[in-house]
Protein backbone atom coordinates (compact mmCIF):
# COMPACT_ATOMS: atom_id res chain seq x y z
CA UNK A 1 0.00 0.00 0.00
CA UNK A 2 1.40 3.39 -1.04
CA UNK A 3 0.96 6.43 1.21
CA UNK A 4 1.29 9.85 -0.33
CA UNK A 5 3.02 12.41 1.84
CA UNK A 6 0.68 15.14 3.03
CA UNK A 7 0.53 18.37 1.09
CA UNK A 8 2.77 21.00 2.68
CA UNK A 9 0.99 23.61 4.75
CA UNK A 10 2.45 26.75 6.24
CA UNK A 11 2.28 27.01 10.03
CA UNK A 12 -0.55 29.50 9.63
CA UNK A 13 -2.49 27.16 7.31
CA UNK A 14 -1.98 24.28 9.72
CA UNK A 15 -3.28 26.52 12.51
CA UNK A 16 -6.34 27.22 10.39
CA UNK A 17 -6.83 23.48 9.87
CA UNK A 18 -6.74 23.07 13.65
CA UNK A 19 -9.30 25.86 14.04
CA UNK A 20 -11.61 24.10 11.57
CA UNK A 21 -11.32 20.96 13.71
CA UNK A 22 -12.78 22.91 16.65
CA UNK A 23 -15.86 23.86 14.63
CA UNK A 24 -17.43 27.20 13.62
CA UNK A 25 -14.10 28.54 12.35
CA UNK A 26 -15.06 30.19 9.07
CA UNK A 27 -14.96 33.67 10.62
CA UNK A 28 -11.69 32.99 12.42
CA UNK A 29 -9.47 31.95 9.51
CA UNK A 30 -8.43 33.85 6.38
CA UNK A 31 -10.43 33.12 3.24
CA UNK A 32 -7.29 32.06 1.36
CA UNK A 33 -6.63 29.43 4.03
CA UNK A 34 -10.06 27.85 3.93
CA UNK A 35 -10.07 27.93 0.14
CA UNK A 36 -6.73 26.08 0.06
CA UNK A 37 -7.84 23.58 2.71
CA UNK A 38 -10.95 22.82 0.63
CA UNK A 39 -8.89 22.57 -2.58
CA UNK A 40 -6.49 20.11 -0.91
CA UNK A 41 -9.40 18.02 0.32
CA UNK A 42 -8.72 18.68 4.02
CA UNK A 43 -11.94 20.61 4.60
CA UNK A 44 -15.41 20.69 3.16
CA UNK A 45 -17.82 23.60 3.10
CA UNK A 46 -21.45 22.58 3.64
CA UNK A 47 -24.23 25.10 4.00
CA UNK A 48 -21.62 27.80 4.63
CA UNK A 49 -19.91 25.88 7.44
CA UNK A 50 -16.41 24.40 7.25
CA UNK A 51 -15.78 20.89 8.47
CA UNK A 52 -12.86 18.49 8.31
CA UNK A 53 -12.74 15.60 5.89
CA UNK A 54 -11.11 12.26 6.69
CA UNK A 55 -8.00 13.56 4.90
CA UNK A 56 -8.04 16.66 7.12
CA UNK A 57 -8.25 14.53 10.26
CA UNK A 58 -5.30 12.44 9.05
CA UNK A 59 -3.34 15.62 8.21
CA UNK A 60 -3.90 16.94 11.74
CA UNK A 61 -2.74 13.61 13.16
CA UNK A 62 0.40 13.78 10.98
CA UNK A 63 1.34 17.04 12.69
CA UNK A 64 2.58 20.46 11.66
CA UNK A 65 6.16 19.37 10.96
CA UNK A 66 5.10 17.22 7.96
CA UNK A 67 4.90 20.18 5.62
CA UNK A 68 7.54 22.50 7.02
CA UNK A 69 10.63 20.92 5.51
CA UNK A 70 9.62 21.75 1.97
CA UNK A 71 8.29 25.24 2.69
CA UNK A 72 10.95 26.62 5.00
CA UNK A 73 14.35 27.85 3.95
CA UNK A 74 17.51 27.14 5.92
CA UNK A 75 19.13 30.00 7.82
CA UNK A 76 22.39 31.26 6.37
C-alpha atoms as a PDB file:
ATOM      1  CA  UNK A   1       0.000   0.000   0.000  1.00  0.00           C
ATOM      2  CA  UNK A   2       1.399   3.390  -1.037  1.00  0.00           C
ATOM      3  CA  UNK A   3       0.962   6.434   1.206  1.00  0.00           C
ATOM      4  CA  UNK A   4       1.292   9.853  -0.334  1.00  0.00           C
ATOM      5  CA  UNK A   5       3.018  12.414   1.837  1.00  0.00           C
ATOM      6  CA  UNK A   6       0.680  15.135   3.032  1.00  0.00           C
ATOM      7  CA  UNK A   7       0.532  18.367   1.090  1.00  0.00           C
ATOM      8  CA  UNK A   8       2.773  20.996   2.678  1.00  0.00           C
ATOM      9  CA  UNK A   9       0.987  23.609   4.748  1.00  0.00           C
ATOM     10  CA  UNK A  10       2.450  26.750   6.243  1.00  0.00           C
ATOM     11  CA  UNK A  11       2.285  27.007  10.025  1.00  0.00           C
ATOM     12  CA  UNK A  12      -0.554  29.495   9.627  1.00  0.00           C
ATOM     13  CA  UNK A  13      -2.488  27.164   7.310  1.00  0.00           C
ATOM     14  CA  UNK A  14      -1.981  24.283   9.725  1.00  0.00           C
ATOM     15  CA  UNK A  15      -3.277  26.521  12.509  1.00  0.00           C
ATOM     16  CA  UNK A  16      -6.345  27.223  10.391  1.00  0.00           C
ATOM     17  CA  UNK A  17      -6.830  23.484   9.871  1.00  0.00           C
ATOM     18  CA  UNK A  18      -6.740  23.069  13.651  1.00  0.00           C
ATOM     19  CA  UNK A  19      -9.301  25.863  14.044  1.00  0.00           C
ATOM     20  CA  UNK A  20     -11.610  24.105  11.573  1.00  0.00           C
ATOM     21  CA  UNK A  21     -11.324  20.965  13.707  1.00  0.00           C
ATOM     22  CA  UNK A  22     -12.776  22.905  16.652  1.00  0.00           C
ATOM     23  CA  UNK A  23     -15.865  23.861  14.630  1.00  0.00           C
ATOM     24  CA  UNK A  24     -17.432  27.196  13.623  1.00  0.00           C
ATOM     25  CA  UNK A  25     -14.099  28.537  12.345  1.00  0.00           C
ATOM     26  CA  UNK A  26     -15.058  30.192   9.068  1.00  0.00           C
ATOM     27  CA  UNK A  27     -14.958  33.666  10.620  1.00  0.00           C
ATOM     28  CA  UNK A  28     -11.689  32.986  12.417  1.00  0.00           C
ATOM     29  CA  UNK A  29      -9.474  31.951   9.509  1.00  0.00           C
ATOM     30  CA  UNK A  30      -8.426  33.846   6.380  1.00  0.00           C
ATOM     31  CA  UNK A  31     -10.433  33.124   3.241  1.00  0.00           C
ATOM     32  CA  UNK A  32      -7.289  32.056   1.358  1.00  0.00           C
ATOM     33  CA  UNK A  33      -6.628  29.430   4.033  1.00  0.00           C
ATOM     34  CA  UNK A  34     -10.060  27.846   3.927  1.00  0.00           C
ATOM     35  CA  UNK A  35     -10.072  27.935   0.135  1.00  0.00           C
ATOM     36  CA  UNK A  36      -6.729  26.081   0.064  1.00  0.00           C
ATOM     37  CA  UNK A  37      -7.835  23.575   2.713  1.00  0.00           C
ATOM     38  CA  UNK A  38     -10.946  22.824   0.629  1.00  0.00           C
ATOM     39  CA  UNK A  39      -8.886  22.571  -2.583  1.00  0.00           C
ATOM     40  CA  UNK A  40      -6.487  20.106  -0.915  1.00  0.00           C
ATOM     41  CA  UNK A  41      -9.401  18.016   0.322  1.00  0.00           C
ATOM     42  CA  UNK A  42      -8.718  18.679   4.022  1.00  0.00           C
ATOM     43  CA  UNK A  43     -11.941  20.609   4.597  1.00  0.00           C
ATOM     44  CA  UNK A  44     -15.413  20.695   3.159  1.00  0.00           C
ATOM     45  CA  UNK A  45     -17.819  23.597   3.100  1.00  0.00           C
ATOM     46  CA  UNK A  46     -21.447  22.578   3.644  1.00  0.00           C
ATOM     47  CA  UNK A  47     -24.230  25.105   4.000  1.00  0.00           C
ATOM     48  CA  UNK A  48     -21.618  27.798   4.633  1.00  0.00           C
ATOM     49  CA  UNK A  49     -19.906  25.876   7.438  1.00  0.00           C
ATOM     50  CA  UNK A  50     -16.409  24.401   7.250  1.00  0.00           C
ATOM     51  CA  UNK A  51     -15.777  20.894   8.469  1.00  0.00           C
ATOM     52  CA  UNK A  52     -12.861  18.494   8.312  1.00  0.00           C
ATOM     53  CA  UNK A  53     -12.742  15.598   5.886  1.00  0.00           C
ATOM     54  CA  UNK A  54     -11.110  12.257   6.687  1.00  0.00           C
ATOM     55  CA  UNK A  55      -7.997  13.561   4.904  1.00  0.00           C
ATOM     56  CA  UNK A  56      -8.039  16.657   7.125  1.00  0.00           C
ATOM     57  CA  UNK A  57      -8.255  14.528  10.258  1.00  0.00           C
ATOM     58  CA  UNK A  58      -5.303  12.441   9.051  1.00  0.00           C
ATOM     59  CA  UNK A  59      -3.341  15.624   8.214  1.00  0.00           C
ATOM     60  CA  UNK A  60      -3.897  16.939  11.735  1.00  0.00           C
ATOM     61  CA  UNK A  61      -2.744  13.609  13.159  1.00  0.00           C
ATOM     62  CA  UNK A  62       0.401  13.782  10.985  1.00  0.00           C
ATOM     63  CA  UNK A  63       1.341  17.043  12.688  1.00  0.00           C
ATOM     64  CA  UNK A  64       2.584  20.455  11.664  1.00  0.00           C
ATOM     65  CA  UNK A  65       6.159  19.375  10.959  1.00  0.00           C
ATOM     66  CA  UNK A  66       5.100  17.217   7.965  1.00  0.00           C
ATOM     67  CA  UNK A  67       4.898  20.184   5.621  1.00  0.00           C
ATOM     68  CA  UNK A  68       7.539  22.497   7.020  1.00  0.00           C
ATOM     69  CA  UNK A  69      10.633  20.921   5.513  1.00  0.00           C
ATOM     70  CA  UNK A  70       9.617  21.749   1.968  1.00  0.00           C
ATOM     71  CA  UNK A  71       8.295  25.235   2.693  1.00  0.00           C
ATOM     72  CA  UNK A  72      10.954  26.615   5.003  1.00  0.00           C
ATOM     73  CA  UNK A  73      14.347  27.846   3.954  1.00  0.00           C
ATOM     74  CA  UNK A  74      17.514  27.139   5.923  1.00  0.00           C
ATOM     75  CA  UNK A  75      19.133  29.995   7.820  1.00  0.00           C
ATOM     76  CA  UNK A  76      22.387  31.263   6.366  1.00  0.00           C
END
